[in-house]
Protein backbone atom coordinates (compact mmCIF):
# COMPACT_ATOMS: atom_id res chain seq x y z
CA UNK A 1 114.51 129.41 145.81
CA UNK A 2 117.56 130.06 143.62
CA UNK A 3 118.01 133.16 141.48
CA UNK A 4 116.63 131.84 138.15
CA UNK A 5 113.43 130.70 139.83
CA UNK A 6 113.03 133.92 141.78
CA UNK A 7 113.55 135.83 138.54
CA UNK A 8 110.99 133.76 136.60
CA UNK A 9 108.43 133.86 139.43
CA UNK A 10 108.84 137.65 139.56
CA UNK A 11 108.06 137.89 135.85
CA UNK A 12 104.91 135.80 136.36
CA UNK A 13 103.85 138.28 139.06
CA UNK A 14 104.43 141.18 136.65
CA UNK A 15 102.31 139.47 133.99
CA UNK A 16 99.46 138.88 136.45
CA UNK A 17 99.67 142.43 137.78
CA UNK A 18 99.29 143.81 134.24
CA UNK A 19 95.93 142.02 134.04
CA UNK A 20 94.73 143.39 137.40
CA UNK A 21 90.96 144.00 137.16
CA UNK A 22 91.06 147.26 139.17
CA UNK A 23 93.28 149.09 136.73
CA UNK A 24 91.79 147.52 133.63
CA UNK A 25 88.22 148.39 134.60
CA UNK A 26 89.12 151.94 135.59
CA UNK A 27 90.40 152.50 132.07
CA UNK A 28 87.15 151.28 130.49
CA UNK A 29 84.26 152.58 132.61
CA UNK A 30 81.13 153.20 130.50
CA UNK A 31 78.99 156.33 130.76
CA UNK A 32 76.38 156.32 133.50
CA UNK A 33 72.84 155.65 132.26
CA UNK A 34 69.64 157.54 132.99
CA UNK A 35 68.12 154.35 134.34
CA UNK A 36 69.41 151.32 136.21
CA UNK A 37 72.90 149.81 136.11
CA UNK A 38 72.84 146.01 136.03
CA UNK A 39 76.07 144.01 136.33
CA UNK A 40 76.24 140.43 135.07
CA UNK A 41 79.26 138.25 134.48
CA UNK A 42 81.00 134.92 134.58
CA UNK A 43 84.50 133.49 134.59
CA UNK A 44 87.50 132.69 136.74
CA UNK A 45 87.98 136.40 137.43
CA UNK A 46 84.28 137.17 137.92
CA UNK A 47 84.31 138.09 141.62
CA UNK A 48 87.50 140.14 141.34
CA UNK A 49 86.10 142.05 138.36
CA UNK A 50 82.78 142.61 140.15
CA UNK A 51 84.51 143.90 143.28
CA UNK A 52 86.72 146.19 141.20
CA UNK A 53 83.70 147.54 139.31
CA UNK A 54 81.89 148.31 142.57
CA UNK A 55 84.90 150.33 143.78
CA UNK A 56 85.16 152.25 140.52
CA UNK A 57 81.47 152.93 139.80
CA UNK A 58 79.94 156.20 140.96
CA UNK A 59 76.24 155.53 141.42
CA UNK A 60 73.74 152.78 142.31
CA UNK A 61 74.09 149.32 140.79
CA UNK A 62 72.93 145.73 141.23
CA UNK A 63 73.81 142.44 139.65
CA UNK A 64 74.88 138.79 139.64
CA UNK A 65 78.12 137.15 138.57
CA UNK A 66 79.18 133.48 138.55
CA UNK A 67 82.66 132.50 139.74
CA UNK A 68 84.10 129.05 140.29
CA UNK A 69 84.02 127.27 143.64
CA UNK A 70 86.74 128.44 146.01
CA UNK A 71 87.81 131.77 147.51
CA UNK A 72 86.03 134.82 146.04
CA UNK A 73 86.11 138.58 146.51
CA UNK A 74 83.38 140.05 148.70
CA UNK A 75 80.93 142.34 146.92
CA UNK A 76 78.31 144.65 148.43
CA UNK A 77 75.68 145.16 145.72
CA UNK A 78 76.58 142.35 143.34
CA UNK A 79 75.67 138.77 144.23
CA UNK A 80 78.53 136.33 143.65
CA UNK A 81 77.30 132.82 142.82
CA UNK A 82 79.71 129.90 142.48
CA UNK A 83 79.80 126.90 140.16
CA UNK A 84 82.14 124.14 139.03
CA UNK A 85 85.01 124.36 136.53
CA UNK A 86 86.02 122.68 134.25
CA UNK A 87 83.14 120.16 134.57
CA UNK A 88 79.77 121.97 134.91
CA UNK A 89 77.39 121.34 137.82
CA UNK A 90 73.84 122.18 138.90
CA UNK A 91 75.05 125.39 140.53
CA UNK A 92 76.19 126.57 137.10
CA UNK A 93 72.74 125.97 135.64
CA UNK A 94 71.24 128.03 138.48
CA UNK A 95 73.81 130.74 137.87
CA UNK A 96 73.06 130.95 134.15
CA UNK A 97 69.36 131.20 134.90
CA UNK A 98 70.00 133.95 137.45
CA UNK A 99 71.87 136.00 134.83
CA UNK A 100 69.08 135.60 132.30
CA UNK A 101 66.49 136.62 134.89
CA UNK A 102 68.53 139.66 135.95
CA UNK A 103 68.34 141.25 132.50
CA UNK A 104 64.61 140.77 132.02
CA UNK A 105 62.26 143.77 131.79
CA UNK A 106 64.89 146.44 131.15
CA UNK A 107 64.37 149.67 129.20
CA UNK A 108 66.44 151.66 126.73
CA UNK A 109 67.50 153.94 129.61
CA UNK A 110 69.15 151.05 131.44
CA UNK A 111 72.76 149.84 131.21
CA UNK A 112 73.98 146.25 131.46
CA UNK A 113 77.68 145.82 132.19
CA UNK A 114 78.92 142.31 131.42
CA UNK A 115 82.14 141.28 133.18
CA UNK A 116 83.46 138.30 131.21
CA UNK A 117 86.61 136.23 131.70
CA UNK A 118 87.95 132.82 130.76
CA UNK A 119 86.23 129.81 132.28
CA UNK A 120 82.78 131.28 131.77
CA UNK A 121 81.83 128.57 129.28
CA UNK A 122 81.93 125.85 131.93
CA UNK A 123 80.49 128.11 134.63
CA UNK A 124 77.37 128.94 132.58
CA UNK A 125 75.83 125.65 131.48
CA UNK A 126 72.43 126.41 129.99
CA UNK A 127 71.38 123.41 127.93
CA UNK A 128 68.69 123.73 125.26
CA UNK A 129 65.10 122.79 126.09
CA UNK A 130 64.81 119.04 126.51
CA UNK A 131 68.41 118.57 127.68
CA UNK A 132 69.97 118.65 131.15
CA UNK A 133 73.17 118.77 133.15
CA UNK A 134 74.18 115.23 132.16
CA UNK A 135 74.16 116.30 128.50
CA UNK A 136 76.25 119.39 129.28
CA UNK A 137 78.74 117.25 131.20
CA UNK A 138 78.96 114.72 128.39
CA UNK A 139 79.58 117.44 125.81
CA UNK A 140 82.17 119.09 128.04
CA UNK A 141 84.02 115.81 128.58
CA UNK A 142 84.20 115.20 124.83
CA UNK A 143 85.47 118.73 124.22
CA UNK A 144 88.18 118.54 126.90
CA UNK A 145 89.43 115.18 125.63
CA UNK A 146 89.42 116.15 121.96
CA UNK A 147 92.57 118.28 121.81
CA UNK A 148 90.63 121.08 120.09
CA UNK A 149 91.81 124.65 120.76
CA UNK A 150 89.66 126.70 123.13
CA UNK A 151 88.27 128.83 120.30
CA UNK A 152 86.97 125.73 118.50
CA UNK A 153 85.52 124.25 121.68
CA UNK A 154 83.61 127.42 122.35
CA UNK A 155 82.05 127.40 118.89
CA UNK A 156 80.53 124.01 119.73
CA UNK A 157 79.43 125.18 123.18
CA UNK A 158 77.74 128.24 121.67
CA UNK A 159 75.49 125.97 119.60
CA UNK A 160 74.32 123.98 122.62
CA UNK A 161 73.18 126.78 124.92
CA UNK A 162 70.42 129.23 125.80
CA UNK A 163 72.83 131.92 127.06
CA UNK A 164 75.99 131.86 124.92
CA UNK A 165 76.77 133.47 121.52
CA UNK A 166 75.10 136.77 122.38
CA UNK A 167 71.88 135.32 123.77
CA UNK A 168 72.34 137.04 127.16
CA UNK A 169 72.75 140.40 125.43
CA UNK A 170 69.70 139.76 123.27
CA UNK A 171 67.68 139.00 126.41
CA UNK A 172 68.65 142.41 127.82
CA UNK A 173 67.24 144.38 124.84
CA UNK A 174 66.44 147.29 124.65
CA UNK A 175 69.02 148.13 127.34
CA UNK A 176 72.54 149.16 126.33
CA UNK A 177 75.05 146.33 126.90
CA UNK A 178 78.76 147.00 127.47
CA UNK A 179 81.04 143.96 127.82
CA UNK A 180 84.39 144.30 129.63
CA UNK A 181 86.43 141.22 128.80
CA UNK A 182 89.58 139.66 130.22
CA UNK A 183 90.68 137.50 127.29
CA UNK A 184 92.12 134.00 127.61
CA UNK A 185 91.72 133.34 123.88
CA UNK A 186 94.69 133.37 121.47
CA UNK A 187 94.00 136.24 119.10
CA UNK A 188 91.61 137.91 121.58
CA UNK A 189 88.38 137.42 119.61
CA UNK A 190 85.76 138.67 122.06
CA UNK A 191 83.03 136.27 120.93
CA UNK A 192 85.17 133.26 121.87
CA UNK A 193 85.85 134.30 125.49
CA UNK A 194 83.46 132.29 127.70
CA UNK A 195 81.63 131.46 124.44
CA UNK A 196 80.46 135.07 124.17
CA UNK A 197 77.28 135.32 126.28
CA UNK A 198 77.01 139.00 125.33
CA UNK A 199 79.04 139.00 122.11
CA UNK A 200 77.53 137.42 118.97
CA UNK A 201 79.63 135.55 116.44
CA UNK A 202 79.48 134.75 112.72
CA UNK A 203 80.02 131.00 113.26
CA UNK A 204 77.10 128.80 112.26
CA UNK A 205 75.93 125.24 112.94
CA UNK A 206 77.96 123.89 110.01
CA UNK A 207 81.12 125.26 111.64
CA UNK A 208 80.30 123.52 114.92
CA UNK A 209 79.60 120.23 113.12
CA UNK A 210 82.88 120.50 111.20
CA UNK A 211 84.79 120.94 114.46
CA UNK A 212 83.05 117.90 115.98
CA UNK A 213 83.96 115.86 112.90
CA UNK A 214 87.54 117.10 112.56
CA UNK A 215 88.39 116.40 116.19
CA UNK A 216 86.51 113.09 116.20
CA UNK A 217 84.29 113.91 119.14
CA UNK A 218 81.97 111.06 120.07
CA UNK A 219 78.58 112.55 120.99
CA UNK A 220 75.03 111.16 121.16
CA UNK A 221 72.86 111.60 118.07
CA UNK A 222 70.46 113.82 120.04
CA UNK A 223 73.19 116.35 120.86
CA UNK A 224 74.48 116.30 117.27
CA UNK A 225 70.96 116.92 115.96
CA UNK A 226 70.41 119.81 118.38
CA UNK A 227 73.67 121.46 117.32
CA UNK A 228 72.81 120.94 113.63
CA UNK A 229 69.51 122.77 114.09
CA UNK A 230 70.83 125.51 116.41
CA UNK A 231 70.55 129.10 115.28
CA UNK A 232 72.80 131.59 117.04
CA UNK A 233 71.75 135.27 117.13
CA UNK A 234 72.58 137.27 114.02
CA UNK A 235 75.10 140.02 114.92
CA UNK A 236 73.04 142.45 112.81
CA UNK A 237 69.77 141.69 114.65
CA UNK A 238 68.01 144.65 116.22
CA UNK A 239 68.34 143.04 119.68
CA UNK A 240 72.14 143.34 119.39
CA UNK A 241 72.39 146.83 117.92
CA UNK A 242 73.06 148.44 121.32
CA UNK A 243 75.97 146.21 122.35
CA UNK A 244 79.70 146.96 122.52
CA UNK A 245 82.65 144.91 123.75
CA UNK A 246 86.14 145.81 124.96
CA UNK A 247 89.13 143.56 125.67
CA UNK A 248 90.48 145.16 128.86
CA UNK A 249 93.27 142.64 129.61
CA UNK A 250 95.00 140.00 127.51
CA UNK A 251 98.07 137.81 127.15
CA UNK A 252 99.69 140.38 124.88
CA UNK A 253 99.54 143.09 127.55
CA UNK A 254 100.81 140.73 130.26
CA UNK A 255 103.74 139.41 128.21
CA UNK A 256 104.76 142.95 127.36
CA UNK A 257 104.82 143.83 131.07
CA UNK A 258 106.96 140.79 131.88
CA UNK A 259 109.34 141.64 129.03
CA UNK A 260 109.78 145.19 130.26
CA UNK A 261 110.52 143.92 133.78
CA UNK A 262 113.17 141.51 132.46
CA UNK A 263 114.83 144.15 130.30
CA UNK A 264 114.96 146.48 133.31
CA UNK A 265 117.12 143.81 134.96
CA UNK A 266 119.48 143.73 131.99
CA UNK A 267 118.15 140.56 130.30
CA UNK A 268 117.52 140.72 126.55
CA UNK A 269 113.97 139.49 125.99
CA UNK A 270 111.95 138.29 123.00
CA UNK A 271 108.22 137.58 122.88
CA UNK A 272 107.75 134.62 120.53
CA UNK A 273 103.96 134.93 120.34
CA UNK A 274 100.95 135.57 122.58
CA UNK A 275 98.75 133.18 120.57
CA UNK A 276 100.52 129.81 120.46
CA UNK A 277 98.21 126.80 120.16
CA UNK A 278 98.84 123.08 119.67
CA UNK A 279 99.60 119.92 121.65
CA UNK A 280 101.34 120.91 124.89
CA UNK A 281 104.07 118.29 124.55
CA UNK A 282 104.81 119.36 120.95
CA UNK A 283 104.99 123.05 121.86
CA UNK A 284 107.36 121.99 124.65
CA UNK A 285 109.64 120.31 122.12
CA UNK A 286 109.61 123.42 119.91
CA UNK A 287 110.61 125.68 122.79
CA UNK A 288 113.30 123.20 123.86
CA UNK A 289 114.79 123.08 120.36
CA UNK A 290 115.12 126.85 120.33
CA UNK A 291 116.64 126.91 123.84
CA UNK A 292 119.21 124.24 122.85
CA UNK A 293 120.16 126.21 119.73
CA UNK A 294 120.75 129.34 121.79
CA UNK A 295 122.67 127.46 124.50
CA UNK A 296 124.92 125.68 122.00
CA UNK A 297 125.28 128.12 119.11
CA UNK A 298 124.07 131.57 120.23
CA UNK A 299 121.42 131.62 117.51
CA UNK A 300 118.87 132.88 116.67
CA UNK A 301 119.52 134.94 119.83
CA UNK A 302 122.64 135.54 121.88
CA UNK A 303 122.64 134.42 125.51
CA UNK A 304 121.83 135.49 128.14
CA UNK A 305 118.31 135.82 126.82
CA UNK A 306 114.71 135.36 127.93
CA UNK A 307 112.01 133.89 125.67
CA UNK A 308 108.37 134.56 126.50
CA UNK A 309 105.24 133.07 124.97
CA UNK A 310 101.53 132.82 125.64
CA UNK A 311 98.37 131.36 124.16
CA UNK A 312 96.68 128.10 125.09
CA UNK A 313 98.02 124.65 124.39
CA UNK A 314 95.88 121.53 124.46
CA UNK A 315 96.24 117.99 125.77
CA UNK A 316 94.57 115.20 123.79
CA UNK A 317 93.54 112.36 126.10
CA UNK A 318 93.94 108.92 124.53
CA UNK A 319 92.80 105.48 125.59
CA UNK A 320 95.40 105.42 128.35
CA UNK A 321 93.38 107.95 130.33
CA UNK A 322 94.66 110.88 132.33
CA UNK A 323 96.56 111.49 135.55
CA UNK A 324 96.98 114.75 137.47
CA UNK A 325 98.12 116.81 134.53
CA UNK A 326 97.51 120.38 133.39
CA UNK A 327 98.58 121.72 130.02
CA UNK A 328 101.38 123.94 131.39
CA UNK A 329 102.86 121.12 133.47
CA UNK A 330 102.68 118.80 130.45
CA UNK A 331 104.39 121.42 128.26
CA UNK A 332 107.15 121.78 130.83
CA UNK A 333 107.75 118.05 131.34
CA UNK A 334 108.14 117.61 127.59
CA UNK A 335 110.50 120.61 127.57
CA UNK A 336 112.51 119.24 130.52
CA UNK A 337 113.05 115.85 128.89
CA UNK A 338 114.30 117.56 125.72
CA UNK A 339 116.90 119.76 127.50
CA UNK A 340 118.28 117.06 129.79
CA UNK A 341 121.91 117.65 130.74
CA UNK A 342 122.16 121.11 129.22
CA UNK A 343 123.41 123.69 131.70
CA UNK A 344 122.07 127.21 131.93
CA UNK A 345 118.49 126.62 130.74
CA UNK A 346 115.71 127.41 133.23
CA UNK A 347 111.97 127.58 132.55
CA UNK A 348 108.61 128.30 134.15
CA UNK A 349 105.25 127.47 132.58
CA UNK A 350 102.09 128.47 134.43
CA UNK A 351 98.45 129.41 133.97
CA UNK A 352 97.88 133.07 134.83
CA UNK A 353 94.75 132.21 136.82
CA UNK A 354 96.96 130.33 139.29
CA UNK A 355 95.44 126.90 138.60
CA UNK A 356 96.83 124.57 135.90
CA UNK A 357 94.02 122.16 135.14
CA UNK A 358 92.07 121.42 138.29
CA UNK A 359 94.74 121.03 141.00
CA UNK A 360 96.47 123.53 143.31
CA UNK A 361 99.45 124.48 141.14
CA UNK A 362 99.74 127.13 138.45
CA UNK A 363 102.46 125.13 136.72
CA UNK A 364 106.05 124.17 137.44
CA UNK A 365 109.75 125.00 137.14
CA UNK A 366 112.38 122.98 135.31
CA UNK A 367 116.03 123.03 134.21
CA UNK A 368 118.59 120.71 132.64
CA UNK A 369 118.69 118.53 135.78
CA UNK A 370 114.94 117.85 136.01
CA UNK A 371 114.89 114.54 134.10
CA UNK A 372 117.90 113.18 136.00
CA UNK A 373 116.42 114.17 139.36
CA UNK A 374 113.22 112.33 138.44
CA UNK A 375 115.23 109.15 137.76
CA UNK A 376 117.10 109.57 141.03
CA UNK A 377 113.68 109.69 142.72
CA UNK A 378 112.80 106.37 141.07
CA UNK A 379 110.58 107.82 138.34
CA UNK A 380 110.67 107.94 134.54
CA UNK A 381 109.59 111.32 133.17
CA UNK A 382 108.49 109.77 129.87
CA UNK A 383 106.08 107.45 131.66
CA UNK A 384 104.54 110.43 133.46
CA UNK A 385 104.26 112.31 130.15
CA UNK A 386 102.57 109.38 128.43
CA UNK A 387 100.02 109.16 131.26
CA UNK A 388 99.38 112.93 131.22
CA UNK A 389 100.52 112.97 134.85
CA UNK A 390 103.01 115.84 134.83
CA UNK A 391 101.71 117.23 138.13
CA UNK A 392 102.80 114.05 139.93
CA UNK A 393 106.22 114.17 138.28
CA UNK A 394 106.96 117.71 139.39
CA UNK A 395 105.42 117.11 142.81
CA UNK A 396 107.79 114.19 143.31
CA UNK A 397 110.87 116.42 142.99
CA UNK A 398 109.42 119.55 144.60
CA UNK A 399 109.27 121.67 141.45
CA UNK A 400 105.59 122.67 141.39
CA UNK A 401 104.79 126.38 141.19
CA UNK A 402 101.93 127.19 143.60
CA UNK A 403 101.16 130.94 143.82
CA UNK A 404 97.44 130.36 144.52
CA UNK A 405 94.45 131.77 142.57
CA UNK A 406 95.38 135.14 141.05
CA UNK A 407 91.95 136.65 140.37
CA UNK A 408 92.58 137.08 136.65
CA UNK A 409 93.02 134.85 133.61
CA UNK A 410 94.91 135.74 130.43
CA UNK A 411 95.96 132.18 129.67
CA UNK A 412 99.36 130.50 129.58
CA UNK A 413 102.62 132.16 130.64
CA UNK A 414 105.83 130.53 129.47
CA UNK A 415 109.28 131.90 130.27
CA UNK A 416 112.57 130.28 129.17
CA UNK A 417 115.83 131.77 130.47
CA UNK A 418 119.09 130.77 128.76
CA UNK A 419 122.03 131.91 130.90
């Protein structure tokens, strides 16, 4: 691996380390209760957070968390269940039910600690009475294809659930509920992470219906009617009076750590934003335009310089269908095509959980030679971009970034180095 890629991969490692569950949980341990301590949770970082909490907690505890299928951390007192992501499965329904059962029959002397991270929405399917897994899968497919930002998708999910939007916390009443959250949501609104199973929100059914309409989601009339009649818990309800929530890790913290690491190596660094949303290919063009301006005219920043950004882009799937994509890989392919032939520009885009989409890569690397190398390999980068098949494009020229699952999730990490 050449220097620019080593440098960029090192910054990714710094960003992930800043979201390490051990340190984040240590900084936010709640007071011990008189009664029982129950741990519940869900998300891509669920098992790592549960294991970290066990190491940090002084006293007896029990609990259940739901992580996605694949390698998980071993826990002693907390049961780690596994379910599918991003498309829900039966195991997720069983996991959601196990969490609801775990918080039944508690008293005001008991404490519920909710360990929540991104991905929990798909991992906790809990359809309303009269609906099943097929309905959850259909809704999820429509959401993923719509191009809606994650915050909007989770508003819809919250109105088609028996566990989201604070319902898990309400079920735990009168116990005290403390939520420790690793945020993957631009803006870090706690109620949007994993659709807020323990954090209520002000959004109502009309908001969910507006999102469905605005993003032209095609859903059966029965699901639309259920969402229209859904009533999420009122944040001021007595059942939610004893709840509190803390964002313990986020994209902002991780980008700051990466920036400090780059500056320590003598590279001027600017964080563009930790909350960028929009079509991945369009955000790629925006970043490329800025990189070209710096490379050619030393404005708005003087090279050498590093640009960092975070948030969560989206990929809208059209009639042409989808290949082996991933939003970070799609961002980067669009970026690579727009900087073709320009020397000195290097970039990495990756998901901080280590998995971009549903394949084995976190993202990919690119530079000014990427598009030409694709053509030399007999491929047209624009065809791959149109088919949402960026993974295959980068795989073809050996530019995938595959660090493996990281055990945390604070969303997208984008780093552009202009030498």
